[in-house]
PDB file of N, CA and C in Angstrom:
ATOM      1  N   MET A   1       7.774 -26.571  14.980  1.00  0.00           N
ATOM      2  CA  MET A   1       6.615 -25.908  14.807  1.00  0.00           C
ATOM      3  C   MET A   1       7.058 -24.661  13.675  1.00  0.00           C
ATOM      4  N   SER A   2       8.254 -24.461  14.049  1.00  0.00           N
ATOM      5  CA  SER A   2       8.446 -23.179  13.121  1.00  0.00           C
ATOM      6  C   SER A   2       9.000 -23.470  11.605  1.00  0.00           C
ATOM      7  N   GLY A   3       9.294 -24.295  11.381  1.00  0.00           N
ATOM      8  CA  GLY A   3       9.494 -25.103  10.074  1.00  0.00           C
ATOM      9  C   GLY A   3       8.077 -25.141   9.398  1.00  0.00           C
ATOM     10  N   ASP A   4       7.184 -25.569   9.991  1.00  0.00           N
ATOM     11  CA  ASP A   4       5.772 -25.955   9.616  1.00  0.00           C
ATOM     12  C   ASP A   4       5.341 -24.464   9.181  1.00  0.00           C
ATOM     13  N   ARG A   5       5.345 -23.587  10.076  1.00  0.00           N
ATOM     14  CA  ARG A   5       4.888 -22.196   9.903  1.00  0.00           C
ATOM     15  C   ARG A   5       5.665 -21.481   8.433  1.00  0.00           C
ATOM     16  N   LEU A   6       7.140 -21.637   8.297  1.00  0.00           N
ATOM     17  CA  LEU A   6       7.643 -21.567   7.468  1.00  0.00           C
ATOM     18  C   LEU A   6       6.963 -22.279   5.937  1.00  0.00           C
ATOM     19  N   LYS A   7       6.720 -23.312   5.867  1.00  0.00           N
ATOM     20  CA  LYS A   7       5.895 -23.949   5.018  1.00  0.00           C
ATOM     21  C   LYS A   7       4.620 -23.346   4.473  1.00  0.00           C
ATOM     22  N   THR A   8       3.950 -23.204   5.639  1.00  0.00           N
ATOM     23  CA  THR A   8       2.881 -22.559   5.814  1.00  0.00           C
ATOM     24  C   THR A   8       2.842 -21.255   4.925  1.00  0.00           C
ATOM     25  N   SER A   9       3.627 -20.223   5.425  1.00  0.00           N
ATOM     26  CA  SER A   9       3.568 -19.043   4.694  1.00  0.00           C
ATOM     27  C   SER A   9       4.130 -19.148   2.913  1.00  0.00           C
ATOM     28  N   HIS A  10       4.828 -19.924   2.984  1.00  0.00           N
ATOM     29  CA  HIS A  10       5.614 -20.021   1.374  1.00  0.00           C
ATOM     30  C   HIS A  10       4.216 -20.510   0.665  1.00  0.00           C
ATOM     31  N   ARG A  11       3.506 -21.568   1.269  1.00  0.00           N
ATOM     32  CA  ARG A  11       2.301 -22.384   0.525  1.00  0.00           C
ATOM     33  C   ARG A  11       1.154 -20.949   0.241  1.00  0.00           C
ATOM     34  N   MET A  12       1.281 -20.335   1.116  1.00  0.00           N
ATOM     35  CA  MET A  12       0.194 -18.914   1.205  1.00  0.00           C
ATOM     36  C   MET A  12       0.652 -18.113  -0.162  1.00  0.00           C
ATOM     37  N   ILE A  13       2.094 -18.020  -0.388  1.00  0.00           N
ATOM     38  CA  ILE A  13       2.579 -16.802  -1.503  1.00  0.00           C
ATOM     39  C   ILE A  13       1.980 -17.919  -2.564  1.00  0.00           C
ATOM     40  N   ALA A  14       2.465 -19.195  -2.548  1.00  0.00           N
ATOM     41  CA  ALA A  14       2.007 -19.910  -3.913  1.00  0.00           C
ATOM     42  C   ALA A  14       0.759 -19.655  -4.284  1.00  0.00           C
ATOM     43  N   LEU A  15      -0.391 -19.686  -3.472  1.00  0.00           N
ATOM     44  CA  LEU A  15      -1.410 -19.699  -3.745  1.00  0.00           C
ATOM     45  C   LEU A  15      -1.819 -18.330  -4.249  1.00  0.00           C
ATOM     46  N   TYR A  16      -1.458 -16.979  -3.465  1.00  0.00           N
ATOM     47  CA  TYR A  16      -1.582 -15.651  -3.952  1.00  0.00           C
ATOM     48  C   TYR A  16      -1.411 -15.827  -5.363  1.00  0.00           C
ATOM     49  N   ASN A  17       0.028 -16.326  -5.228  1.00  0.00           N
ATOM     50  CA  ASN A  17       0.477 -16.352  -7.120  1.00  0.00           C
ATOM     51  C   ASN A  17      -0.478 -17.005  -8.075  1.00  0.00           C
ATOM     52  N   ALA A  18      -1.165 -17.870  -7.505  1.00  0.00           N
ATOM     53  CA  ALA A  18      -2.105 -18.461  -8.253  1.00  0.00           C
ATOM     54  C   ALA A  18      -3.429 -17.891  -8.076  1.00  0.00           C
ATOM     55  N   GLN A  19      -3.532 -16.671  -7.196  1.00  0.00           N
ATOM     56  CA  GLN A  19      -4.603 -16.027  -7.350  1.00  0.00           C
ATOM     57  C   GLN A  19      -5.860 -16.883  -6.916  1.00  0.00           C
ATOM     58  N   ASP A  20      -5.644 -17.874  -5.967  1.00  0.00           N
ATOM     59  CA  ASP A  20      -6.511 -18.815  -4.916  1.00  0.00           C
ATOM     60  C   ASP A  20      -6.788 -18.089  -3.787  1.00  0.00           C
ATOM     61  N   ALA A  21      -7.516 -16.981  -3.876  1.00  0.00           N
ATOM     62  CA  ALA A  21      -8.075 -16.114  -2.591  1.00  0.00           C
ATOM     63  C   ALA A  21      -8.686 -17.057  -1.618  1.00  0.00           C
ATOM     64  N   ASP A  22      -9.748 -18.321  -1.827  1.00  0.00           N
ATOM     65  CA  ASP A  22     -10.050 -19.277  -1.025  1.00  0.00           C
ATOM     66  C   ASP A  22      -9.125 -20.403  -0.161  1.00  0.00           C
ATOM     67  N   GLY A  23      -8.038 -20.665  -1.176  1.00  0.00           N
ATOM     68  CA  GLY A  23      -6.877 -21.725  -0.702  1.00  0.00           C
ATOM     69  C   GLY A  23      -6.408 -20.843   0.160  1.00  0.00           C
ATOM     70  N   TYR A  24      -5.608 -19.312  -0.036  1.00  0.00           N
ATOM     71  CA  TYR A  24      -5.291 -18.553   0.511  1.00  0.00           C
ATOM     72  C   TYR A  24      -5.965 -18.434   1.811  1.00  0.00           C
ATOM     73  N   GLY A  25      -7.134 -18.130   2.132  1.00  0.00           N
ATOM     74  CA  GLY A  25      -7.665 -18.092   3.389  1.00  0.00           C
ATOM     75  C   GLY A  25      -7.881 -19.117   4.141  1.00  0.00           C
ATOM     76  N   GLU A  26      -7.712 -20.266   3.701  1.00  0.00           N
ATOM     77  CA  GLU A  26      -7.543 -21.658   4.460  1.00  0.00           C
ATOM     78  C   GLU A  26      -6.720 -21.495   5.381  1.00  0.00           C
ATOM     79  N   HIS A  27      -5.918 -21.096   5.095  1.00  0.00           N
ATOM     80  CA  HIS A  27      -4.585 -21.037   6.388  1.00  0.00           C
ATOM     81  C   HIS A  27      -4.806 -20.051   7.407  1.00  0.00           C
ATOM     82  N   MET A  28      -5.655 -19.216   7.585  1.00  0.00           N
ATOM     83  CA  MET A  28      -5.903 -18.030   8.108  1.00  0.00           C
ATOM     84  C   MET A  28      -7.047 -18.721   9.396  1.00  0.00           C
ATOM     85  N   THR A  29      -6.674 -17.992  10.589  1.00  0.00           N
ATOM     86  CA  THR A  29      -7.875 -18.171  11.430  1.00  0.00           C
ATOM     87  C   THR A  29      -9.151 -17.248  11.125  1.00  0.00           C
ATOM     88  N   ASP A  30     -10.309 -17.588  11.805  1.00  0.00           N
ATOM     89  CA  ASP A  30     -11.574 -16.853  11.250  1.00  0.00           C
ATOM     90  C   ASP A  30     -11.507 -15.282  11.408  1.00  0.00           C
ATOM     91  N   ALA A  31     -10.760 -14.868  12.697  1.00  0.00           N
ATOM     92  CA  ALA A  31     -10.530 -13.299  12.770  1.00  0.00           C
ATOM     93  C   ALA A  31      -9.229 -12.906  12.366  1.00  0.00           C
ATOM     94  N   ALA A  32      -8.675 -13.662  11.594  1.00  0.00           N
ATOM     95  CA  ALA A  32      -7.600 -13.262  10.932  1.00  0.00           C
ATOM     96  C   ALA A  32      -7.575 -11.758  10.194  1.00  0.00           C
ATOM     97  N   CYS A  33      -6.435 -11.012   9.868  1.00  0.00           N
ATOM     98  CA  CYS A  33      -6.388  -9.602   9.471  1.00  0.00           C
ATOM     99  C   CYS A  33      -5.314  -9.623   8.471  1.00  0.00           C
ATOM    100  N   GLU A  34      -5.232  -8.492   7.807  1.00  0.00           N
ATOM    101  CA  GLU A  34      -4.222  -8.026   6.909  1.00  0.00           C
ATOM    102  C   GLU A  34      -3.958  -6.643   7.240  1.00  0.00           C
ATOM    103  N   ALA A  35      -2.968  -6.262   7.668  1.00  0.00           N
ATOM    104  CA  ALA A  35      -2.635  -4.907   7.948  1.00  0.00           C
ATOM    105  C   ALA A  35      -1.357  -4.172   7.654  1.00  0.00           C
ATOM    106  N   THR A  36      -1.543  -2.839   7.870  1.00  0.00           N
ATOM    107  CA  THR A  36      -0.107  -2.133   7.609  1.00  0.00           C
ATOM    108  C   THR A  36       0.700  -2.494   8.875  1.00  0.00           C
ATOM    109  N   TYR A  37       1.864  -2.270   8.861  1.00  0.00           N
ATOM    110  CA  TYR A  37       2.662  -2.605  10.291  1.00  0.00           C
ATOM    111  C   TYR A  37       2.400  -1.646  11.271  1.00  0.00           C
ATOM    112  N   ARG A  38       1.853  -2.221  12.322  1.00  0.00           N
ATOM    113  CA  ARG A  38       1.460  -1.119  13.514  1.00  0.00           C
ATOM    114  C   ARG A  38       0.499  -0.115  13.027  1.00  0.00           C
ATOM    115  N   GLY A  39      -0.260  -0.538  12.033  1.00  0.00           N
ATOM    116  CA  GLY A  39      -1.198   0.225  11.540  1.00  0.00           C
ATOM    117  C   GLY A  39      -2.615  -0.153  11.189  1.00  0.00           C
ATOM    118  N   ALA A  40      -3.221   0.671  10.281  1.00  0.00           N
ATOM    119  CA  ALA A  40      -4.632   0.279   9.870  1.00  0.00           C
ATOM    120  C   ALA A  40      -4.702  -1.211   9.321  1.00  0.00           C
ATOM    121  N   VAL A  41      -5.802  -1.702   9.598  1.00  0.00           N
ATOM    122  CA  VAL A  41      -6.302  -3.225   9.167  1.00  0.00           C
ATOM    123  C   VAL A  41      -6.752  -3.038   7.483  1.00  0.00           C
ATOM    124  N   ILE A  42      -6.100  -3.833   6.698  1.00  0.00           N
ATOM    125  CA  ILE A  42      -6.421  -3.539   5.299  1.00  0.00           C
ATOM    126  C   ILE A  42      -7.729  -4.491   4.886  1.00  0.00           C
ATOM    127  N   ARG A  43      -7.627  -5.665   5.436  1.00  0.00           N
ATOM    128  CA  ARG A  43      -8.586  -6.811   5.417  1.00  0.00           C
ATOM    129  C   ARG A  43      -8.885  -7.515   6.544  1.00  0.00           C
ATOM    130  N   ASP A  44      -9.931  -7.353   7.162  1.00  0.00           N
ATOM    131  CA  ASP A  44     -10.417  -7.971   8.462  1.00  0.00           C
ATOM    132  C   ASP A  44     -11.362  -9.214   8.584  1.00  0.00           C
ATOM    133  N   GLY A  45     -11.063 -10.316   8.883  1.00  0.00           N
ATOM    134  CA  GLY A  45     -11.438 -11.304   9.166  1.00  0.00           C
ATOM    135  C   GLY A  45     -11.309 -12.285   8.079  1.00  0.00           C
ATOM    136  N   LYS A  46     -11.162 -13.665   7.902  1.00  0.00           N
ATOM    137  CA  LYS A  46     -10.868 -14.429   6.923  1.00  0.00           C
ATOM    138  C   LYS A  46     -11.499 -13.979   5.810  1.00  0.00           C
ATOM    139  N   GLU A  47     -13.022 -13.892   5.873  1.00  0.00           N
ATOM    140  CA  GLU A  47     -13.784 -13.644   4.744  1.00  0.00           C
ATOM    141  C   GLU A  47     -13.357 -12.198   4.174  1.00  0.00           C
ATOM    142  N   GLY A  48     -13.071 -11.391   4.933  1.00  0.00           N
ATOM    143  CA  GLY A  48     -12.556  -9.980   4.439  1.00  0.00           C
ATOM    144  C   GLY A  48     -11.249 -10.098   3.638  1.00  0.00           C
ATOM    145  N   VAL A  49     -10.263 -10.880   4.154  1.00  0.00           N
ATOM    146  CA  VAL A  49      -9.158 -11.570   3.333  1.00  0.00           C
ATOM    147  C   VAL A  49      -9.592 -11.964   2.033  1.00  0.00           C
ATOM    148  N   ARG A  50     -10.198 -13.088   1.922  1.00  0.00           N
ATOM    149  CA  ARG A  50     -10.532 -13.642   0.892  1.00  0.00           C
ATOM    150  C   ARG A  50     -11.328 -12.527  -0.164  1.00  0.00           C
ATOM    151  N   SER A  51     -12.283 -12.038   0.560  1.00  0.00           N
ATOM    152  CA  SER A  51     -12.926 -10.945  -0.690  1.00  0.00           C
ATOM    153  C   SER A  51     -12.140  -9.903  -0.964  1.00  0.00           C
ATOM    154  N   GLY A  52     -11.193  -9.342  -0.364  1.00  0.00           N
ATOM    155  CA  GLY A  52     -10.179  -8.393  -0.770  1.00  0.00           C
ATOM    156  C   GLY A  52      -9.008  -8.739  -1.753  1.00  0.00           C
ATOM    157  N   LEU A  53      -8.665  -9.784  -1.206  1.00  0.00           N
ATOM    158  CA  LEU A  53      -7.707 -10.475  -2.604  1.00  0.00           C
ATOM    159  C   LEU A  53      -8.545 -10.636  -3.759  1.00  0.00           C
ATOM    160  N   LYS A  54      -9.895 -11.174  -3.745  1.00  0.00           N
ATOM    161  CA  LYS A  54     -10.704 -11.593  -5.124  1.00  0.00           C
ATOM    162  C   LYS A  54     -10.776  -9.971  -5.721  1.00  0.00           C
ATOM    163  N   ALA A  55     -10.684  -8.984  -4.871  1.00  0.00           N
ATOM    164  CA  ALA A  55     -10.887  -7.857  -5.679  1.00  0.00           C
ATOM    165  C   ALA A  55      -9.709  -7.248  -6.330  1.00  0.00           C
ATOM    166  N   MET A  56      -8.709  -7.343  -5.636  1.00  0.00           N
ATOM    167  CA  MET A  56      -7.539  -7.394  -5.803  1.00  0.00           C
ATOM    168  C   MET A  56      -7.095  -7.975  -7.203  1.00  0.00           C
ATOM    169  N   PHE A  57      -7.070  -9.272  -7.110  1.00  0.00           N
ATOM    170  CA  PHE A  57      -6.605  -9.908  -8.265  1.00  0.00           C
ATOM    171  C   PHE A  57      -7.402  -9.754  -9.535  1.00  0.00           C
ATOM    172  N   ALA A  58      -8.841  -9.179  -9.092  1.00  0.00           N
ATOM    173  CA  ALA A  58      -9.408  -8.665 -10.582  1.00  0.00           C
ATOM    174  C   ALA A  58      -8.800  -7.318 -11.188  1.00  0.00           C
ATOM    175  N   GLN A  59      -8.464  -6.383 -10.343  1.00  0.00           N
ATOM    176  CA  GLN A  59      -7.613  -5.613 -10.427  1.00  0.00           C
ATOM    177  C   GLN A  59      -6.209  -5.460 -11.246  1.00  0.00           C
ATOM    178  N   PHE A  60      -5.703  -6.628 -10.854  1.00  0.00           N
ATOM    179  CA  PHE A  60      -4.094  -6.764 -10.979  1.00  0.00           C
ATOM    180  C   PHE A  60      -4.406  -8.303 -11.537  1.00  0.00           C
ATOM    181  N   PRO A  61      -4.675  -8.645 -12.753  1.00  0.00           N
ATOM    182  CA  PRO A  61      -4.765 -10.233 -13.058  1.00  0.00           C
ATOM    183  C   PRO A  61      -3.251 -10.956 -13.278  1.00  0.00           C
ATOM    184  N   GLN A  62      -2.290 -10.106 -13.255  1.00  0.00           N
ATOM    185  CA  GLN A  62      -1.066 -10.985 -13.100  1.00  0.00           C
ATOM    186  C   GLN A  62      -0.016 -10.600 -12.041  1.00  0.00           C
ATOM    187  N   ASN A  63      -0.761 -10.143 -10.986  1.00  0.00           N
ATOM    188  CA  ASN A  63       0.019  -9.799  -9.687  1.00  0.00           C
ATOM    189  C   ASN A  63       0.858 -11.222  -9.415  1.00  0.00           C
ATOM    190  N   LYS A  64       2.203 -10.806  -8.935  1.00  0.00           N
ATOM    191  CA  LYS A  64       2.802 -11.940  -8.581  1.00  0.00           C
ATOM    192  C   LYS A  64       3.775 -11.258  -7.453  1.00  0.00           C
ATOM    193  N   ALA A  65       4.301 -12.081  -6.280  1.00  0.00           N
ATOM    194  CA  ALA A  65       4.963 -12.134  -5.435  1.00  0.00           C
ATOM    195  C   ALA A  65       6.189 -13.129  -5.667  1.00  0.00           C
ATOM    196  N   GLU A  66       7.147 -12.485  -5.278  1.00  0.00           N
ATOM    197  CA  GLU A  66       8.540 -13.557  -5.279  1.00  0.00           C
ATOM    198  C   GLU A  66       9.435 -13.173  -4.094  1.00  0.00           C
ATOM    199  N   ILE A  67       9.264 -14.358  -3.513  1.00  0.00           N
ATOM    200  CA  ILE A  67      10.013 -14.280  -1.854  1.00  0.00           C
ATOM    201  C   ILE A  67      11.476 -14.406  -2.247  1.00  0.00           C
ATOM    202  N   LEU A  68      12.283 -13.184  -1.620  1.00  0.00           N
ATOM    203  CA  LEU A  68      13.531 -13.161  -1.849  1.00  0.00           C
ATOM    204  C   LEU A  68      14.592 -13.574  -0.717  1.00  0.00           C
ATOM    205  N   ARG A  69      13.775 -13.590   0.337  1.00  0.00           N
ATOM    206  CA  ARG A  69      14.382 -14.141   1.785  1.00  0.00           C
ATOM    207  C   ARG A  69      13.032 -14.172   2.289  1.00  0.00           C
ATOM    208  N   SER A  70      13.346 -15.461   3.502  1.00  0.00           N
ATOM    209  CA  SER A  70      12.566 -15.803   4.610  1.00  0.00           C
ATOM    210  C   SER A  70      13.335 -16.055   5.974  1.00  0.00           C
ATOM    211  N   TYR A  71      12.606 -15.589   6.875  1.00  0.00           N
ATOM    212  CA  TYR A  71      13.170 -15.541   8.213  1.00  0.00           C
ATOM    213  C   TYR A  71      12.193 -16.098   9.262  1.00  0.00           C
ATOM    214  N   VAL A  72      12.587 -16.745  10.266  1.00  0.00           N
ATOM    215  CA  VAL A  72      11.689 -17.686  11.217  1.00  0.00           C
ATOM    216  C   VAL A  72      12.282 -17.089  12.486  1.00  0.00           C
ATOM    217  N   LEU A  73      11.846 -16.196  13.290  1.00  0.00           N
ATOM    218  CA  LEU A  73      12.141 -15.839  14.860  1.00  0.00           C
ATOM    219  C   LEU A  73      10.925 -16.050  15.608  1.00  0.00           C
ATOM    220  N   GLY A  74      11.299 -16.946  16.728  1.00  0.00           N
ATOM    221  CA  GLY A  74       9.930 -17.363  17.561  1.00  0.00           C
ATOM    222  C   GLY A  74       8.782 -17.632  16.958  1.00  0.00           C
ATOM    223  N   GLU A  75       7.754 -17.176  17.252  1.00  0.00           N
ATOM    224  CA  GLU A  75       6.484 -17.692  16.645  1.00  0.00           C
ATOM    225  C   GLU A  75       6.317 -17.004  15.154  1.00  0.00           C
ATOM    226  N   ALA A  76       7.193 -16.039  15.004  1.00  0.00           N
ATOM    227  CA  ALA A  76       6.633 -15.057  13.656  1.00  0.00           C
ATOM    228  C   ALA A  76       7.497 -15.634  12.591  1.00  0.00           C
ATOM    229  N   VAL A  77       7.082 -15.589  11.149  1.00  0.00           N
ATOM    230  CA  VAL A  77       7.681 -15.647  10.042  1.00  0.00           C
ATOM    231  C   VAL A  77       7.741 -14.527   9.352  1.00  0.00           C
ATOM    232  N   VAL A  78       8.538 -13.868   8.636  1.00  0.00           N
ATOM    233  CA  VAL A  78       8.921 -12.690   7.750  1.00  0.00           C
ATOM    234  C   VAL A  78       9.431 -13.125   6.543  1.00  0.00           C
ATOM    235  N   LEU A  79       8.946 -12.737   5.842  1.00  0.00           N
ATOM    236  CA  LEU A  79       9.126 -12.749   4.322  1.00  0.00           C
ATOM    237  C   LEU A  79       9.642 -11.470   3.602  1.00  0.00           C
ATOM    238  N   HIS A  80      10.417 -11.466   2.820  1.00  0.00           N
ATOM    239  CA  HIS A  80      10.741 -10.399   2.194  1.00  0.00           C
ATOM    240  C   HIS A  80      10.863 -10.683   0.756  1.00  0.00           C
ATOM    241  N   GLU A  81       9.475  -9.849   0.103  1.00  0.00           N
ATOM    242  CA  GLU A  81       9.148  -9.957  -1.142  1.00  0.00           C
ATOM    243  C   GLU A  81       9.343  -9.031  -2.119  1.00  0.00           C
ATOM    244  N   ASP A  82       9.578  -9.406  -3.418  1.00  0.00           N
ATOM    245  CA  ASP A  82       9.314  -8.421  -4.427  1.00  0.00           C
ATOM    246  C   ASP A  82       8.167  -8.689  -5.249  1.00  0.00           C
ATOM    247  N   VAL A  83       7.314  -7.817  -5.419  1.00  0.00           N
ATOM    248  CA  VAL A  83       5.909  -7.631  -5.908  1.00  0.00           C
ATOM    249  C   VAL A  83       5.687  -7.254  -7.206  1.00  0.00           C
ATOM    250  N   SER A  84       4.952  -7.616  -8.130  1.00  0.00           N
ATOM    251  CA  SER A  84       4.831  -6.712  -9.218  1.00  0.00           C
ATOM    252  C   SER A  84       3.258  -7.096  -9.874  1.00  0.00           C
ATOM    253  N   ARG A  85       2.962  -6.042 -10.230  1.00  0.00           N
ATOM    254  CA  ARG A  85       1.403  -5.931 -10.568  1.00  0.00           C
ATOM    255  C   ARG A  85       1.237  -6.443 -12.210  1.00  0.00           C
ATOM    256  N   ALA A  86       2.133  -6.549 -12.811  1.00  0.00           N
ATOM    257  CA  ALA A  86       2.193  -6.867 -14.155  1.00  0.00           C
ATOM    258  C   ALA A  86       3.771  -7.217 -14.903  1.00  0.00           C
ATOM    259  N   PRO A  87       3.768  -8.068 -15.916  1.00  0.00           N
ATOM    260  CA  PRO A  87       5.130  -8.220 -16.190  1.00  0.00           C
ATOM    261  C   PRO A  87       5.825  -7.037 -16.749  1.00  0.00           C
ATOM    262  N   ASP A  88       7.035  -6.475 -16.598  1.00  0.00           N
ATOM    263  CA  ASP A  88       7.252  -5.444 -17.208  1.00  0.00           C
ATOM    264  C   ASP A  88       6.740  -4.153 -16.500  1.00  0.00           C
ATOM    265  N   GLY A  89       6.031  -4.233 -15.626  1.00  0.00           N
ATOM    266  CA  GLY A  89       5.399  -3.490 -14.773  1.00  0.00           C
ATOM    267  C   GLY A  89       6.080  -2.904 -13.366  1.00  0.00           C
ATOM    268  N   GLU A  90       5.566  -2.072 -12.801  1.00  0.00           N
ATOM    269  CA  GLU A  90       6.210  -1.322 -11.583  1.00  0.00           C
ATOM    270  C   GLU A  90       6.136  -2.748 -10.806  1.00  0.00           C
ATOM    271  N   THR A  91       7.341  -2.645  -9.712  1.00  0.00           N
ATOM    272  CA  THR A  91       7.779  -3.789  -8.956  1.00  0.00           C
ATOM    273  C   THR A  91       7.803  -2.712  -7.729  1.00  0.00           C
ATOM    274  N   PHE A  92       7.716  -3.651  -6.190  1.00  0.00           N
ATOM    275  CA  PHE A  92       7.966  -3.172  -5.191  1.00  0.00           C
ATOM    276  C   PHE A  92       8.364  -3.908  -4.288  1.00  0.00           C
ATOM    277  N   GLU A  93       9.155  -3.517  -3.035  1.00  0.00           N
ATOM    278  CA  GLU A  93       9.471  -4.739  -2.183  1.00  0.00           C
ATOM    279  C   GLU A  93       8.530  -4.491  -1.006  1.00  0.00           C
ATOM    280  N   VAL A  94       8.415  -5.612  -0.099  1.00  0.00           N
ATOM    281  CA  VAL A  94       7.605  -5.870   1.025  1.00  0.00           C
ATOM    282  C   VAL A  94       8.238  -6.720   1.871  1.00  0.00           C
ATOM    283  N   MET A  95       7.869  -6.187   3.159  1.00  0.00           N
ATOM    284  CA  MET A  95       8.208  -7.525   4.196  1.00  0.00           C
ATOM    285  C   MET A  95       6.938  -7.585   4.834  1.00  0.00           C
ATOM    286  N   SER A  96       6.500  -9.064   5.024  1.00  0.00           N
ATOM    287  CA  SER A  96       5.353  -9.388   5.411  1.00  0.00           C
ATOM    288  C   SER A  96       5.741 -10.312   6.750  1.00  0.00           C
ATOM    289  N   ILE A  97       5.198  -9.804   7.908  1.00  0.00           N
ATOM    290  CA  ILE A  97       5.260 -10.385   8.910  1.00  0.00           C
ATOM    291  C   ILE A  97       4.059 -11.479   9.475  1.00  0.00           C
ATOM    292  N   TYR A  98       4.239 -12.652   9.438  1.00  0.00           N
ATOM    293  CA  TYR A  98       3.153 -13.587   9.670  1.00  0.00           C
ATOM    294  C   TYR A  98       2.956 -14.144  10.741  1.00  0.00           C
ATOM    295  N   SER A  99       1.650 -13.548  12.053  1.00  0.00           N
ATOM    296  CA  SER A  99       1.740 -14.296  13.269  1.00  0.00           C
ATOM    297  C   SER A  99       0.823 -15.228  13.239  1.00  0.00           C
ATOM    298  N   PHE A 100       0.848 -16.299  13.959  1.00  0.00           N
ATOM    299  CA  PHE A 100       0.236 -17.436  14.041  1.00  0.00           C
ATOM    300  C   PHE A 100      -0.539 -17.525  15.403  1.00  0.00           C
ATOM    301  N   VAL A 101      -1.738 -18.369  15.190  1.00  0.00           N
ATOM    302  CA  VAL A 101      -2.383 -18.984  16.517  1.00  0.00           C
ATOM    303  C   VAL A 101      -2.419 -20.481  16.131  1.00  0.00           C
ATOM    304  N   GLY A 102      -1.624 -21.242  16.996  1.00  0.00           N
ATOM    305  CA  GLY A 102      -1.611 -22.350  16.448  1.00  0.00           C
ATOM    306  C   GLY A 102      -0.828 -22.616  14.998  1.00  0.00           C
ATOM    307  N   ASP A 103      -1.510 -23.593  14.236  1.00  0.00           N
ATOM    308  CA  ASP A 103      -0.792 -23.711  12.526  1.00  0.00           C
ATOM    309  C   ASP A 103      -1.547 -22.774  11.800  1.00  0.00           C
ATOM    310  N   LYS A 104      -2.371 -21.736  12.483  1.00  0.00           N
ATOM    311  CA  LYS A 104      -3.132 -21.059  11.413  1.00  0.00           C
ATOM    312  C   LYS A 104      -2.525 -19.618  11.585  1.00  0.00           C
ATOM    313  N   VAL A 105      -2.500 -18.520  10.492  1.00  0.00           N
ATOM    314  CA  VAL A 105      -2.059 -17.145  10.210  1.00  0.00           C
ATOM    315  C   VAL A 105      -3.202 -16.146  10.981  1.00  0.00           C
ATOM    316  N   ASP A 106      -2.944 -15.794  12.100  1.00  0.00           N
ATOM    317  CA  ASP A 106      -3.768 -14.813  12.361  1.00  0.00           C
ATOM    318  C   ASP A 106      -3.792 -13.319  12.211  1.00  0.00           C
ATOM    319  N   ARG A 107      -2.365 -13.074  12.033  1.00  0.00           N
ATOM    320  CA  ARG A 107      -2.300 -11.639  11.001  1.00  0.00           C
ATOM    321  C   ARG A 107      -0.984 -11.566  10.382  1.00  0.00           C
ATOM    322  N   VAL A 108      -1.102 -11.058   9.377  1.00  0.00           N
ATOM    323  CA  VAL A 108       0.043 -10.298   8.502  1.00  0.00           C
ATOM    324  C   VAL A 108       0.014  -8.860   8.079  1.00  0.00           C
ATOM    325  N   GLU A 109       1.411  -8.627   8.876  1.00  0.00           N
ATOM    326  CA  GLU A 109       1.555  -7.370   8.563  1.00  0.00           C
ATOM    327  C   GLU A 109       2.407  -6.674   7.389  1.00  0.00           C
ATOM    328  N   PHE A 110       2.246  -5.699   6.650  1.00  0.00           N
ATOM    329  CA  PHE A 110       3.122  -5.429   5.412  1.00  0.00           C
ATOM    330  C   PHE A 110       3.806  -4.183   6.094  1.00  0.00           C
ATOM    331  N   ILE A 111       4.934  -4.093   5.868  1.00  0.00           N
ATOM    332  CA  ILE A 111       6.329  -3.181   5.402  1.00  0.00           C
ATOM    333  C   ILE A 111       6.463  -2.920   4.060  1.00  0.00           C
ATOM    334  N   ARG A 112       6.136  -1.544   3.882  1.00  0.00           N
ATOM    335  CA  ARG A 112       6.293  -1.235   2.363  1.00  0.00           C
ATOM    336  C   ARG A 112       7.229   0.023   2.059  1.00  0.00           C
TER     337      ARG A 112
END
């Protein structure tokens, strides 16, 4: 199961890099959310994630995330990512923690 979850997380980053918000959202539960680590929800529900990503992709059309390292521990997947908003633009590192319900992502928390 954990290998499948790692593959799902990596697939979601590939869809994110392709700016495919609909495809990204298909890997999430209906009640899924994206949030800061132990903090505020940024995007609420599968549809909130989709619409939020579409707005971000419109604002940053060359946004990309590169996976630096991947970890699986118990039921969670953690990705260490390097994100850039534009080529030759500002980059920043993020730790993304993916929590699952079954084979779908139910919550992604970001440490930045």
